PDBML (XML) file of the C-alpha atoms, coordinates in Angstrom:
<?xml version="1.0" encoding="UTF-8" ?>
<PDBx:datablock datablockName="MODEL"
   xmlns:PDBx="http://pdbml.pdb.org/schema/pdbx-v50.xsd"
   xmlns:xsi="http://www.w3.org/2001/XMLSchema-instance"
   xsi:schemaLocation="http://pdbml.pdb.org/schema/pdbx-v50.xsd pdbx-v50.xsd">
   <PDBx:atom_siteCategory>
      <PDBx:atom_site id="1">
         <PDBx:B_iso_or_equiv>0.00</PDBx:B_iso_or_equiv>
         <PDBx:Cartn_x>119.298</PDBx:Cartn_x>
         <PDBx:Cartn_y>101.933</PDBx:Cartn_y>
         <PDBx:Cartn_z>55.528</PDBx:Cartn_z>
         <PDBx:auth_asym_id>A</PDBx:auth_asym_id>
         <PDBx:auth_atom_id>CA</PDBx:auth_atom_id>
         <PDBx:auth_comp_id>UNK</PDBx:auth_comp_id>
         <PDBx:auth_seq_id>1</PDBx:auth_seq_id>
         <PDBx:group_PDB>ATOM</PDBx:group_PDB>
         <PDBx:label_alt_id xsi:nil="true" />
         <PDBx:label_asym_id>A</PDBx:label_asym_id>
         <PDBx:label_atom_id>CA</PDBx:label_atom_id>
         <PDBx:label_comp_id>UNK</PDBx:label_comp_id>
         <PDBx:label_entity_id>1</PDBx:label_entity_id>
         <PDBx:label_seq_id>1</PDBx:label_seq_id>
         <PDBx:occupancy>1.00</PDBx:occupancy>
         <PDBx:pdbx_PDB_model_num>1</PDBx:pdbx_PDB_model_num>
         <PDBx:type_symbol>C</PDBx:type_symbol>
      </PDBx:atom_site>
      <PDBx:atom_site id="2">
         <PDBx:B_iso_or_equiv>0.00</PDBx:B_iso_or_equiv>
         <PDBx:Cartn_x>120.644</PDBx:Cartn_x>
         <PDBx:Cartn_y>98.419</PDBx:Cartn_y>
         <PDBx:Cartn_z>56.076</PDBx:Cartn_z>
         <PDBx:auth_asym_id>A</PDBx:auth_asym_id>
         <PDBx:auth_atom_id>CA</PDBx:auth_atom_id>
         <PDBx:auth_comp_id>UNK</PDBx:auth_comp_id>
         <PDBx:auth_seq_id>2</PDBx:auth_seq_id>
         <PDBx:group_PDB>ATOM</PDBx:group_PDB>
         <PDBx:label_alt_id xsi:nil="true" />
         <PDBx:label_asym_id>A</PDBx:label_asym_id>
         <PDBx:label_atom_id>CA</PDBx:label_atom_id>
         <PDBx:label_comp_id>UNK</PDBx:label_comp_id>
         <PDBx:label_entity_id>1</PDBx:label_entity_id>
         <PDBx:label_seq_id>2</PDBx:label_seq_id>
         <PDBx:occupancy>1.00</PDBx:occupancy>
         <PDBx:pdbx_PDB_model_num>1</PDBx:pdbx_PDB_model_num>
         <PDBx:type_symbol>C</PDBx:type_symbol>
      </PDBx:atom_site>
      <PDBx:atom_site id="3">
         <PDBx:B_iso_or_equiv>0.00</PDBx:B_iso_or_equiv>
         <PDBx:Cartn_x>123.397</PDBx:Cartn_x>
         <PDBx:Cartn_y>99.807</PDBx:Cartn_y>
         <PDBx:Cartn_z>57.848</PDBx:Cartn_z>
         <PDBx:auth_asym_id>A</PDBx:auth_asym_id>
         <PDBx:auth_atom_id>CA</PDBx:auth_atom_id>
         <PDBx:auth_comp_id>UNK</PDBx:auth_comp_id>
         <PDBx:auth_seq_id>3</PDBx:auth_seq_id>
         <PDBx:group_PDB>ATOM</PDBx:group_PDB>
         <PDBx:label_alt_id xsi:nil="true" />
         <PDBx:label_asym_id>A</PDBx:label_asym_id>
         <PDBx:label_atom_id>CA</PDBx:label_atom_id>
         <PDBx:label_comp_id>UNK</PDBx:label_comp_id>
         <PDBx:label_entity_id>1</PDBx:label_entity_id>
         <PDBx:label_seq_id>3</PDBx:label_seq_id>
         <PDBx:occupancy>1.00</PDBx:occupancy>
         <PDBx:pdbx_PDB_model_num>1</PDBx:pdbx_PDB_model_num>
         <PDBx:type_symbol>C</PDBx:type_symbol>
      </PDBx:atom_site>
      <PDBx:atom_site id="4">
         <PDBx:B_iso_or_equiv>0.00</PDBx:B_iso_or_equiv>
         <PDBx:Cartn_x>125.589</PDBx:Cartn_x>
         <PDBx:Cartn_y>96.791</PDBx:Cartn_y>
         <PDBx:Cartn_z>57.887</PDBx:Cartn_z>
         <PDBx:auth_asym_id>A</PDBx:auth_asym_id>
         <PDBx:auth_atom_id>CA</PDBx:auth_atom_id>
         <PDBx:auth_comp_id>UNK</PDBx:auth_comp_id>
         <PDBx:auth_seq_id>4</PDBx:auth_seq_id>
         <PDBx:group_PDB>ATOM</PDBx:group_PDB>
         <PDBx:label_alt_id xsi:nil="true" />
         <PDBx:label_asym_id>A</PDBx:label_asym_id>
         <PDBx:label_atom_id>CA</PDBx:label_atom_id>
         <PDBx:label_comp_id>UNK</PDBx:label_comp_id>
         <PDBx:label_entity_id>1</PDBx:label_entity_id>
         <PDBx:label_seq_id>4</PDBx:label_seq_id>
         <PDBx:occupancy>1.00</PDBx:occupancy>
         <PDBx:pdbx_PDB_model_num>1</PDBx:pdbx_PDB_model_num>
         <PDBx:type_symbol>C</PDBx:type_symbol>
      </PDBx:atom_site>
      <PDBx:atom_site id="5">
         <PDBx:B_iso_or_equiv>0.00</PDBx:B_iso_or_equiv>
         <PDBx:Cartn_x>129.318</PDBx:Cartn_x>
         <PDBx:Cartn_y>97.789</PDBx:Cartn_y>
         <PDBx:Cartn_z>58.526</PDBx:Cartn_z>
         <PDBx:auth_asym_id>A</PDBx:auth_asym_id>
         <PDBx:auth_atom_id>CA</PDBx:auth_atom_id>
         <PDBx:auth_comp_id>UNK</PDBx:auth_comp_id>
         <PDBx:auth_seq_id>5</PDBx:auth_seq_id>
         <PDBx:group_PDB>ATOM</PDBx:group_PDB>
         <PDBx:label_alt_id xsi:nil="true" />
         <PDBx:label_asym_id>A</PDBx:label_asym_id>
         <PDBx:label_atom_id>CA</PDBx:label_atom_id>
         <PDBx:label_comp_id>UNK</PDBx:label_comp_id>
         <PDBx:label_entity_id>1</PDBx:label_entity_id>
         <PDBx:label_seq_id>5</PDBx:label_seq_id>
         <PDBx:occupancy>1.00</PDBx:occupancy>
         <PDBx:pdbx_PDB_model_num>1</PDBx:pdbx_PDB_model_num>
         <PDBx:type_symbol>C</PDBx:type_symbol>
      </PDBx:atom_site>
      <PDBx:atom_site id="6">
         <PDBx:B_iso_or_equiv>0.00</PDBx:B_iso_or_equiv>
         <PDBx:Cartn_x>131.900</PDBx:Cartn_x>
         <PDBx:Cartn_y>95.475</PDBx:Cartn_y>
         <PDBx:Cartn_z>60.132</PDBx:Cartn_z>
         <PDBx:auth_asym_id>A</PDBx:auth_asym_id>
         <PDBx:auth_atom_id>CA</PDBx:auth_atom_id>
         <PDBx:auth_comp_id>UNK</PDBx:auth_comp_id>
         <PDBx:auth_seq_id>6</PDBx:auth_seq_id>
         <PDBx:group_PDB>ATOM</PDBx:group_PDB>
         <PDBx:label_alt_id xsi:nil="true" />
         <PDBx:label_asym_id>A</PDBx:label_asym_id>
         <PDBx:label_atom_id>CA</PDBx:label_atom_id>
         <PDBx:label_comp_id>UNK</PDBx:label_comp_id>
         <PDBx:label_entity_id>1</PDBx:label_entity_id>
         <PDBx:label_seq_id>6</PDBx:label_seq_id>
         <PDBx:occupancy>1.00</PDBx:occupancy>
         <PDBx:pdbx_PDB_model_num>1</PDBx:pdbx_PDB_model_num>
         <PDBx:type_symbol>C</PDBx:type_symbol>
      </PDBx:atom_site>
      <PDBx:atom_site id="7">
         <PDBx:B_iso_or_equiv>0.00</PDBx:B_iso_or_equiv>
         <PDBx:Cartn_x>135.844</PDBx:Cartn_x>
         <PDBx:Cartn_y>96.830</PDBx:Cartn_y>
         <PDBx:Cartn_z>60.285</PDBx:Cartn_z>
         <PDBx:auth_asym_id>A</PDBx:auth_asym_id>
         <PDBx:auth_atom_id>CA</PDBx:auth_atom_id>
         <PDBx:auth_comp_id>UNK</PDBx:auth_comp_id>
         <PDBx:auth_seq_id>7</PDBx:auth_seq_id>
         <PDBx:group_PDB>ATOM</PDBx:group_PDB>
         <PDBx:label_alt_id xsi:nil="true" />
         <PDBx:label_asym_id>A</PDBx:label_asym_id>
         <PDBx:label_atom_id>CA</PDBx:label_atom_id>
         <PDBx:label_comp_id>UNK</PDBx:label_comp_id>
         <PDBx:label_entity_id>1</PDBx:label_entity_id>
         <PDBx:label_seq_id>7</PDBx:label_seq_id>
         <PDBx:occupancy>1.00</PDBx:occupancy>
         <PDBx:pdbx_PDB_model_num>1</PDBx:pdbx_PDB_model_num>
         <PDBx:type_symbol>C</PDBx:type_symbol>
      </PDBx:atom_site>
      <PDBx:atom_site id="8">
         <PDBx:B_iso_or_equiv>0.00</PDBx:B_iso_or_equiv>
         <PDBx:Cartn_x>138.451</PDBx:Cartn_x>
         <PDBx:Cartn_y>94.396</PDBx:Cartn_y>
         <PDBx:Cartn_z>61.769</PDBx:Cartn_z>
         <PDBx:auth_asym_id>A</PDBx:auth_asym_id>
         <PDBx:auth_atom_id>CA</PDBx:auth_atom_id>
         <PDBx:auth_comp_id>UNK</PDBx:auth_comp_id>
         <PDBx:auth_seq_id>8</PDBx:auth_seq_id>
         <PDBx:group_PDB>ATOM</PDBx:group_PDB>
         <PDBx:label_alt_id xsi:nil="true" />
         <PDBx:label_asym_id>A</PDBx:label_asym_id>
         <PDBx:label_atom_id>CA</PDBx:label_atom_id>
         <PDBx:label_comp_id>UNK</PDBx:label_comp_id>
         <PDBx:label_entity_id>1</PDBx:label_entity_id>
         <PDBx:label_seq_id>8</PDBx:label_seq_id>
         <PDBx:occupancy>1.00</PDBx:occupancy>
         <PDBx:pdbx_PDB_model_num>1</PDBx:pdbx_PDB_model_num>
         <PDBx:type_symbol>C</PDBx:type_symbol>
      </PDBx:atom_site>
      <PDBx:atom_site id="9">
         <PDBx:B_iso_or_equiv>0.00</PDBx:B_iso_or_equiv>
         <PDBx:Cartn_x>142.488</PDBx:Cartn_x>
         <PDBx:Cartn_y>94.726</PDBx:Cartn_y>
         <PDBx:Cartn_z>62.270</PDBx:Cartn_z>
         <PDBx:auth_asym_id>A</PDBx:auth_asym_id>
         <PDBx:auth_atom_id>CA</PDBx:auth_atom_id>
         <PDBx:auth_comp_id>UNK</PDBx:auth_comp_id>
         <PDBx:auth_seq_id>9</PDBx:auth_seq_id>
         <PDBx:group_PDB>ATOM</PDBx:group_PDB>
         <PDBx:label_alt_id xsi:nil="true" />
         <PDBx:label_asym_id>A</PDBx:label_asym_id>
         <PDBx:label_atom_id>CA</PDBx:label_atom_id>
         <PDBx:label_comp_id>UNK</PDBx:label_comp_id>
         <PDBx:label_entity_id>1</PDBx:label_entity_id>
         <PDBx:label_seq_id>9</PDBx:label_seq_id>
         <PDBx:occupancy>1.00</PDBx:occupancy>
         <PDBx:pdbx_PDB_model_num>1</PDBx:pdbx_PDB_model_num>
         <PDBx:type_symbol>C</PDBx:type_symbol>
      </PDBx:atom_site>
      <PDBx:atom_site id="10">
         <PDBx:B_iso_or_equiv>0.00</PDBx:B_iso_or_equiv>
         <PDBx:Cartn_x>145.419</PDBx:Cartn_x>
         <PDBx:Cartn_y>92.290</PDBx:Cartn_y>
         <PDBx:Cartn_z>62.147</PDBx:Cartn_z>
         <PDBx:auth_asym_id>A</PDBx:auth_asym_id>
         <PDBx:auth_atom_id>CA</PDBx:auth_atom_id>
         <PDBx:auth_comp_id>UNK</PDBx:auth_comp_id>
         <PDBx:auth_seq_id>10</PDBx:auth_seq_id>
         <PDBx:group_PDB>ATOM</PDBx:group_PDB>
         <PDBx:label_alt_id xsi:nil="true" />
         <PDBx:label_asym_id>A</PDBx:label_asym_id>
         <PDBx:label_atom_id>CA</PDBx:label_atom_id>
         <PDBx:label_comp_id>UNK</PDBx:label_comp_id>
         <PDBx:label_entity_id>1</PDBx:label_entity_id>
         <PDBx:label_seq_id>10</PDBx:label_seq_id>
         <PDBx:occupancy>1.00</PDBx:occupancy>
         <PDBx:pdbx_PDB_model_num>1</PDBx:pdbx_PDB_model_num>
         <PDBx:type_symbol>C</PDBx:type_symbol>
      </PDBx:atom_site>
      <PDBx:atom_site id="11">
         <PDBx:B_iso_or_equiv>0.00</PDBx:B_iso_or_equiv>
         <PDBx:Cartn_x>148.883</PDBx:Cartn_x>
         <PDBx:Cartn_y>92.786</PDBx:Cartn_y>
         <PDBx:Cartn_z>63.273</PDBx:Cartn_z>
         <PDBx:auth_asym_id>A</PDBx:auth_asym_id>
         <PDBx:auth_atom_id>CA</PDBx:auth_atom_id>
         <PDBx:auth_comp_id>UNK</PDBx:auth_comp_id>
         <PDBx:auth_seq_id>11</PDBx:auth_seq_id>
         <PDBx:group_PDB>ATOM</PDBx:group_PDB>
         <PDBx:label_alt_id xsi:nil="true" />
         <PDBx:label_asym_id>A</PDBx:label_asym_id>
         <PDBx:label_atom_id>CA</PDBx:label_atom_id>
         <PDBx:label_comp_id>UNK</PDBx:label_comp_id>
         <PDBx:label_entity_id>1</PDBx:label_entity_id>
         <PDBx:label_seq_id>11</PDBx:label_seq_id>
         <PDBx:occupancy>1.00</PDBx:occupancy>
         <PDBx:pdbx_PDB_model_num>1</PDBx:pdbx_PDB_model_num>
         <PDBx:type_symbol>C</PDBx:type_symbol>
      </PDBx:atom_site>
      <PDBx:atom_site id="12">
         <PDBx:B_iso_or_equiv>0.00</PDBx:B_iso_or_equiv>
         <PDBx:Cartn_x>151.584</PDBx:Cartn_x>
         <PDBx:Cartn_y>90.535</PDBx:Cartn_y>
         <PDBx:Cartn_z>62.045</PDBx:Cartn_z>
         <PDBx:auth_asym_id>A</PDBx:auth_asym_id>
         <PDBx:auth_atom_id>CA</PDBx:auth_atom_id>
         <PDBx:auth_comp_id>UNK</PDBx:auth_comp_id>
         <PDBx:auth_seq_id>12</PDBx:auth_seq_id>
         <PDBx:group_PDB>ATOM</PDBx:group_PDB>
         <PDBx:label_alt_id xsi:nil="true" />
         <PDBx:label_asym_id>A</PDBx:label_asym_id>
         <PDBx:label_atom_id>CA</PDBx:label_atom_id>
         <PDBx:label_comp_id>UNK</PDBx:label_comp_id>
         <PDBx:label_entity_id>1</PDBx:label_entity_id>
         <PDBx:label_seq_id>12</PDBx:label_seq_id>
         <PDBx:occupancy>1.00</PDBx:occupancy>
         <PDBx:pdbx_PDB_model_num>1</PDBx:pdbx_PDB_model_num>
         <PDBx:type_symbol>C</PDBx:type_symbol>
      </PDBx:atom_site>
      <PDBx:atom_site id="13">
         <PDBx:B_iso_or_equiv>0.00</PDBx:B_iso_or_equiv>
         <PDBx:Cartn_x>154.412</PDBx:Cartn_x>
         <PDBx:Cartn_y>92.102</PDBx:Cartn_y>
         <PDBx:Cartn_z>64.147</PDBx:Cartn_z>
         <PDBx:auth_asym_id>A</PDBx:auth_asym_id>
         <PDBx:auth_atom_id>CA</PDBx:auth_atom_id>
         <PDBx:auth_comp_id>UNK</PDBx:auth_comp_id>
         <PDBx:auth_seq_id>13</PDBx:auth_seq_id>
         <PDBx:group_PDB>ATOM</PDBx:group_PDB>
         <PDBx:label_alt_id xsi:nil="true" />
         <PDBx:label_asym_id>A</PDBx:label_asym_id>
         <PDBx:label_atom_id>CA</PDBx:label_atom_id>
         <PDBx:label_comp_id>UNK</PDBx:label_comp_id>
         <PDBx:label_entity_id>1</PDBx:label_entity_id>
         <PDBx:label_seq_id>13</PDBx:label_seq_id>
         <PDBx:occupancy>1.00</PDBx:occupancy>
         <PDBx:pdbx_PDB_model_num>1</PDBx:pdbx_PDB_model_num>
         <PDBx:type_symbol>C</PDBx:type_symbol>
      </PDBx:atom_site>
      <PDBx:atom_site id="14">
         <PDBx:B_iso_or_equiv>0.00</PDBx:B_iso_or_equiv>
         <PDBx:Cartn_x>155.203</PDBx:Cartn_x>
         <PDBx:Cartn_y>90.688</PDBx:Cartn_y>
         <PDBx:Cartn_z>67.301</PDBx:Cartn_z>
         <PDBx:auth_asym_id>A</PDBx:auth_asym_id>
         <PDBx:auth_atom_id>CA</PDBx:auth_atom_id>
         <PDBx:auth_comp_id>UNK</PDBx:auth_comp_id>
         <PDBx:auth_seq_id>14</PDBx:auth_seq_id>
         <PDBx:group_PDB>ATOM</PDBx:group_PDB>
         <PDBx:label_alt_id xsi:nil="true" />
         <PDBx:label_asym_id>A</PDBx:label_asym_id>
         <PDBx:label_atom_id>CA</PDBx:label_atom_id>
         <PDBx:label_comp_id>UNK</PDBx:label_comp_id>
         <PDBx:label_entity_id>1</PDBx:label_entity_id>
         <PDBx:label_seq_id>14</PDBx:label_seq_id>
         <PDBx:occupancy>1.00</PDBx:occupancy>
         <PDBx:pdbx_PDB_model_num>1</PDBx:pdbx_PDB_model_num>
         <PDBx:type_symbol>C</PDBx:type_symbol>
      </PDBx:atom_site>
      <PDBx:atom_site id="15">
         <PDBx:B_iso_or_equiv>0.00</PDBx:B_iso_or_equiv>
         <PDBx:Cartn_x>156.436</PDBx:Cartn_x>
         <PDBx:Cartn_y>94.169</PDBx:Cartn_y>
         <PDBx:Cartn_z>68.729</PDBx:Cartn_z>
         <PDBx:auth_asym_id>A</PDBx:auth_asym_id>
         <PDBx:auth_atom_id>CA</PDBx:auth_atom_id>
         <PDBx:auth_comp_id>UNK</PDBx:auth_comp_id>
         <PDBx:auth_seq_id>15</PDBx:auth_seq_id>
         <PDBx:group_PDB>ATOM</PDBx:group_PDB>
         <PDBx:label_alt_id xsi:nil="true" />
         <PDBx:label_asym_id>A</PDBx:label_asym_id>
         <PDBx:label_atom_id>CA</PDBx:label_atom_id>
         <PDBx:label_comp_id>UNK</PDBx:label_comp_id>
         <PDBx:label_entity_id>1</PDBx:label_entity_id>
         <PDBx:label_seq_id>15</PDBx:label_seq_id>
         <PDBx:occupancy>1.00</PDBx:occupancy>
         <PDBx:pdbx_PDB_model_num>1</PDBx:pdbx_PDB_model_num>
         <PDBx:type_symbol>C</PDBx:type_symbol>
      </PDBx:atom_site>
      <PDBx:atom_site id="16">
         <PDBx:B_iso_or_equiv>0.00</PDBx:B_iso_or_equiv>
         <PDBx:Cartn_x>153.068</PDBx:Cartn_x>
         <PDBx:Cartn_y>95.820</PDBx:Cartn_y>
         <PDBx:Cartn_z>68.570</PDBx:Cartn_z>
         <PDBx:auth_asym_id>A</PDBx:auth_asym_id>
         <PDBx:auth_atom_id>CA</PDBx:auth_atom_id>
         <PDBx:auth_comp_id>UNK</PDBx:auth_comp_id>
         <PDBx:auth_seq_id>16</PDBx:auth_seq_id>
         <PDBx:group_PDB>ATOM</PDBx:group_PDB>
         <PDBx:label_alt_id xsi:nil="true" />
         <PDBx:label_asym_id>A</PDBx:label_asym_id>
         <PDBx:label_atom_id>CA</PDBx:label_atom_id>
         <PDBx:label_comp_id>UNK</PDBx:label_comp_id>
         <PDBx:label_entity_id>1</PDBx:label_entity_id>
         <PDBx:label_seq_id>16</PDBx:label_seq_id>
         <PDBx:occupancy>1.00</PDBx:occupancy>
         <PDBx:pdbx_PDB_model_num>1</PDBx:pdbx_PDB_model_num>
         <PDBx:type_symbol>C</PDBx:type_symbol>
      </PDBx:atom_site>
      <PDBx:atom_site id="17">
         <PDBx:B_iso_or_equiv>0.00</PDBx:B_iso_or_equiv>
         <PDBx:Cartn_x>150.529</PDBx:Cartn_x>
         <PDBx:Cartn_y>95.852</PDBx:Cartn_y>
         <PDBx:Cartn_z>71.500</PDBx:Cartn_z>
         <PDBx:auth_asym_id>A</PDBx:auth_asym_id>
         <PDBx:auth_atom_id>CA</PDBx:auth_atom_id>
         <PDBx:auth_comp_id>UNK</PDBx:auth_comp_id>
         <PDBx:auth_seq_id>17</PDBx:auth_seq_id>
         <PDBx:group_PDB>ATOM</PDBx:group_PDB>
         <PDBx:label_alt_id xsi:nil="true" />
         <PDBx:label_asym_id>A</PDBx:label_asym_id>
         <PDBx:label_atom_id>CA</PDBx:label_atom_id>
         <PDBx:label_comp_id>UNK</PDBx:label_comp_id>
         <PDBx:label_entity_id>1</PDBx:label_entity_id>
         <PDBx:label_seq_id>17</PDBx:label_seq_id>
         <PDBx:occupancy>1.00</PDBx:occupancy>
         <PDBx:pdbx_PDB_model_num>1</PDBx:pdbx_PDB_model_num>
         <PDBx:type_symbol>C</PDBx:type_symbol>
      </PDBx:atom_site>
      <PDBx:atom_site id="18">
         <PDBx:B_iso_or_equiv>0.00</PDBx:B_iso_or_equiv>
         <PDBx:Cartn_x>147.545</PDBx:Cartn_x>
         <PDBx:Cartn_y>94.902</PDBx:Cartn_y>
         <PDBx:Cartn_z>68.973</PDBx:Cartn_z>
         <PDBx:auth_asym_id>A</PDBx:auth_asym_id>
         <PDBx:auth_atom_id>CA</PDBx:auth_atom_id>
         <PDBx:auth_comp_id>UNK</PDBx:auth_comp_id>
         <PDBx:auth_seq_id>18</PDBx:auth_seq_id>
         <PDBx:group_PDB>ATOM</PDBx:group_PDB>
         <PDBx:label_alt_id xsi:nil="true" />
         <PDBx:label_asym_id>A</PDBx:label_asym_id>
         <PDBx:label_atom_id>CA</PDBx:label_atom_id>
         <PDBx:label_comp_id>UNK</PDBx:label_comp_id>
         <PDBx:label_entity_id>1</PDBx:label_entity_id>
         <PDBx:label_seq_id>18</PDBx:label_seq_id>
         <PDBx:occupancy>1.00</PDBx:occupancy>
         <PDBx:pdbx_PDB_model_num>1</PDBx:pdbx_PDB_model_num>
         <PDBx:type_symbol>C</PDBx:type_symbol>
      </PDBx:atom_site>
      <PDBx:atom_site id="19">
         <PDBx:B_iso_or_equiv>0.00</PDBx:B_iso_or_equiv>
         <PDBx:Cartn_x>149.220</PDBx:Cartn_x>
         <PDBx:Cartn_y>91.934</PDBx:Cartn_y>
         <PDBx:Cartn_z>67.524</PDBx:Cartn_z>
         <PDBx:auth_asym_id>A</PDBx:auth_asym_id>
         <PDBx:auth_atom_id>CA</PDBx:auth_atom_id>
         <PDBx:auth_comp_id>UNK</PDBx:auth_comp_id>
         <PDBx:auth_seq_id>19</PDBx:auth_seq_id>
         <PDBx:group_PDB>ATOM</PDBx:group_PDB>
         <PDBx:label_alt_id xsi:nil="true" />
         <PDBx:label_asym_id>A</PDBx:label_asym_id>
         <PDBx:label_atom_id>CA</PDBx:label_atom_id>
         <PDBx:label_comp_id>UNK</PDBx:label_comp_id>
         <PDBx:label_entity_id>1</PDBx:label_entity_id>
         <PDBx:label_seq_id>19</PDBx:label_seq_id>
         <PDBx:occupancy>1.00</PDBx:occupancy>
         <PDBx:pdbx_PDB_model_num>1</PDBx:pdbx_PDB_model_num>
         <PDBx:type_symbol>C</PDBx:type_symbol>
      </PDBx:atom_site>
      <PDBx:atom_site id="20">
         <PDBx:B_iso_or_equiv>0.00</PDBx:B_iso_or_equiv>
         <PDBx:Cartn_x>146.099</PDBx:Cartn_x>
         <PDBx:Cartn_y>89.756</PDBx:Cartn_y>
         <PDBx:Cartn_z>67.666</PDBx:Cartn_z>
         <PDBx:auth_asym_id>A</PDBx:auth_asym_id>
         <PDBx:auth_atom_id>CA</PDBx:auth_atom_id>
         <PDBx:auth_comp_id>UNK</PDBx:auth_comp_id>
         <PDBx:auth_seq_id>20</PDBx:auth_seq_id>
         <PDBx:group_PDB>ATOM</PDBx:group_PDB>
         <PDBx:label_alt_id xsi:nil="true" />
         <PDBx:label_asym_id>A</PDBx:label_asym_id>
         <PDBx:label_atom_id>CA</PDBx:label_atom_id>
         <PDBx:label_comp_id>UNK</PDBx:label_comp_id>
         <PDBx:label_entity_id>1</PDBx:label_entity_id>
         <PDBx:label_seq_id>20</PDBx:label_seq_id>
         <PDBx:occupancy>1.00</PDBx:occupancy>
         <PDBx:pdbx_PDB_model_num>1</PDBx:pdbx_PDB_model_num>
         <PDBx:type_symbol>C</PDBx:type_symbol>
      </PDBx:atom_site>
      <PDBx:atom_site id="21">
         <PDBx:B_iso_or_equiv>0.00</PDBx:B_iso_or_equiv>
         <PDBx:Cartn_x>142.869</PDBx:Cartn_x>
         <PDBx:Cartn_y>90.069</PDBx:Cartn_y>
         <PDBx:Cartn_z>65.235</PDBx:Cartn_z>
         <PDBx:auth_asym_id>A</PDBx:auth_asym_id>
         <PDBx:auth_atom_id>CA</PDBx:auth_atom_id>
         <PDBx:auth_comp_id>UNK</PDBx:auth_comp_id>
         <PDBx:auth_seq_id>21</PDBx:auth_seq_id>
         <PDBx:group_PDB>ATOM</PDBx:group_PDB>
         <PDBx:label_alt_id xsi:nil="true" />
         <PDBx:label_asym_id>A</PDBx:label_asym_id>
         <PDBx:label_atom_id>CA</PDBx:label_atom_id>
         <PDBx:label_comp_id>UNK</PDBx:label_comp_id>
         <PDBx:label_entity_id>1</PDBx:label_entity_id>
         <PDBx:label_seq_id>21</PDBx:label_seq_id>
         <PDBx:occupancy>1.00</PDBx:occupancy>
         <PDBx:pdbx_PDB_model_num>1</PDBx:pdbx_PDB_model_num>
         <PDBx:type_symbol>C</PDBx:type_symbol>
      </PDBx:atom_site>
      <PDBx:atom_site id="22">
         <PDBx:B_iso_or_equiv>0.00</PDBx:B_iso_or_equiv>
         <PDBx:Cartn_x>140.477</PDBx:Cartn_x>
         <PDBx:Cartn_y>92.497</PDBx:Cartn_y>
         <PDBx:Cartn_z>66.690</PDBx:Cartn_z>
         <PDBx:auth_asym_id>A</PDBx:auth_asym_id>
         <PDBx:auth_atom_id>CA</PDBx:auth_atom_id>
         <PDBx:auth_comp_id>UNK</PDBx:auth_comp_id>
         <PDBx:auth_seq_id>22</PDBx:auth_seq_id>
         <PDBx:group_PDB>ATOM</PDBx:group_PDB>
         <PDBx:label_alt_id xsi:nil="true" />
         <PDBx:label_asym_id>A</PDBx:label_asym_id>
         <PDBx:label_atom_id>CA</PDBx:label_atom_id>
         <PDBx:label_comp_id>UNK</PDBx:label_comp_id>
         <PDBx:label_entity_id>1</PDBx:label_entity_id>
         <PDBx:label_seq_id>22</PDBx:label_seq_id>
         <PDBx:occupancy>1.00</PDBx:occupancy>
         <PDBx:pdbx_PDB_model_num>1</PDBx:pdbx_PDB_model_num>
         <PDBx:type_symbol>C</PDBx:type_symbol>
      </PDBx:atom_site>
      <PDBx:atom_site id="23">
         <PDBx:B_iso_or_equiv>0.00</PDBx:B_iso_or_equiv>
         <PDBx:Cartn_x>136.959</PDBx:Cartn_x>
         <PDBx:Cartn_y>94.125</PDBx:Cartn_y>
         <PDBx:Cartn_z>65.923</PDBx:Cartn_z>
         <PDBx:auth_asym_id>A</PDBx:auth_asym_id>
         <PDBx:auth_atom_id>CA</PDBx:auth_atom_id>
         <PDBx:auth_comp_id>UNK</PDBx:auth_comp_id>
         <PDBx:auth_seq_id>23</PDBx:auth_seq_id>
         <PDBx:group_PDB>ATOM</PDBx:group_PDB>
         <PDBx:label_alt_id xsi:nil="true" />
         <PDBx:label_asym_id>A</PDBx:label_asym_id>
         <PDBx:label_atom_id>CA</PDBx:label_atom_id>
         <PDBx:label_comp_id>UNK</PDBx:label_comp_id>
         <PDBx:label_entity_id>1</PDBx:label_entity_id>
         <PDBx:label_seq_id>23</PDBx:label_seq_id>
         <PDBx:occupancy>1.00</PDBx:occupancy>
         <PDBx:pdbx_PDB_model_num>1</PDBx:pdbx_PDB_model_num>
         <PDBx:type_symbol>C</PDBx:type_symbol>
      </PDBx:atom_site>
      <PDBx:atom_site id="24">
         <PDBx:B_iso_or_equiv>0.00</PDBx:B_iso_or_equiv>
         <PDBx:Cartn_x>137.756</PDBx:Cartn_x>
         <PDBx:Cartn_y>97.851</PDBx:Cartn_y>
         <PDBx:Cartn_z>65.233</PDBx:Cartn_z>
         <PDBx:auth_asym_id>A</PDBx:auth_asym_id>
         <PDBx:auth_atom_id>CA</PDBx:auth_atom_id>
         <PDBx:auth_comp_id>UNK</PDBx:auth_comp_id>
         <PDBx:auth_seq_id>24</PDBx:auth_seq_id>
         <PDBx:group_PDB>ATOM</PDBx:group_PDB>
         <PDBx:label_alt_id xsi:nil="true" />
         <PDBx:label_asym_id>A</PDBx:label_asym_id>
         <PDBx:label_atom_id>CA</PDBx:label_atom_id>
         <PDBx:label_comp_id>UNK</PDBx:label_comp_id>
         <PDBx:label_entity_id>1</PDBx:label_entity_id>
         <PDBx:label_seq_id>24</PDBx:label_seq_id>
         <PDBx:occupancy>1.00</PDBx:occupancy>
         <PDBx:pdbx_PDB_model_num>1</PDBx:pdbx_PDB_model_num>
         <PDBx:type_symbol>C</PDBx:type_symbol>
      </PDBx:atom_site>
   </PDBx:atom_siteCategory>
</PDBx:datablock>
């Protein structure tokens, strides 16, 4: 019932367009 969820992603490879931390 609280509904608390958080999902983040971090890429460590410089070739990836997602190479920064982000909240999914």
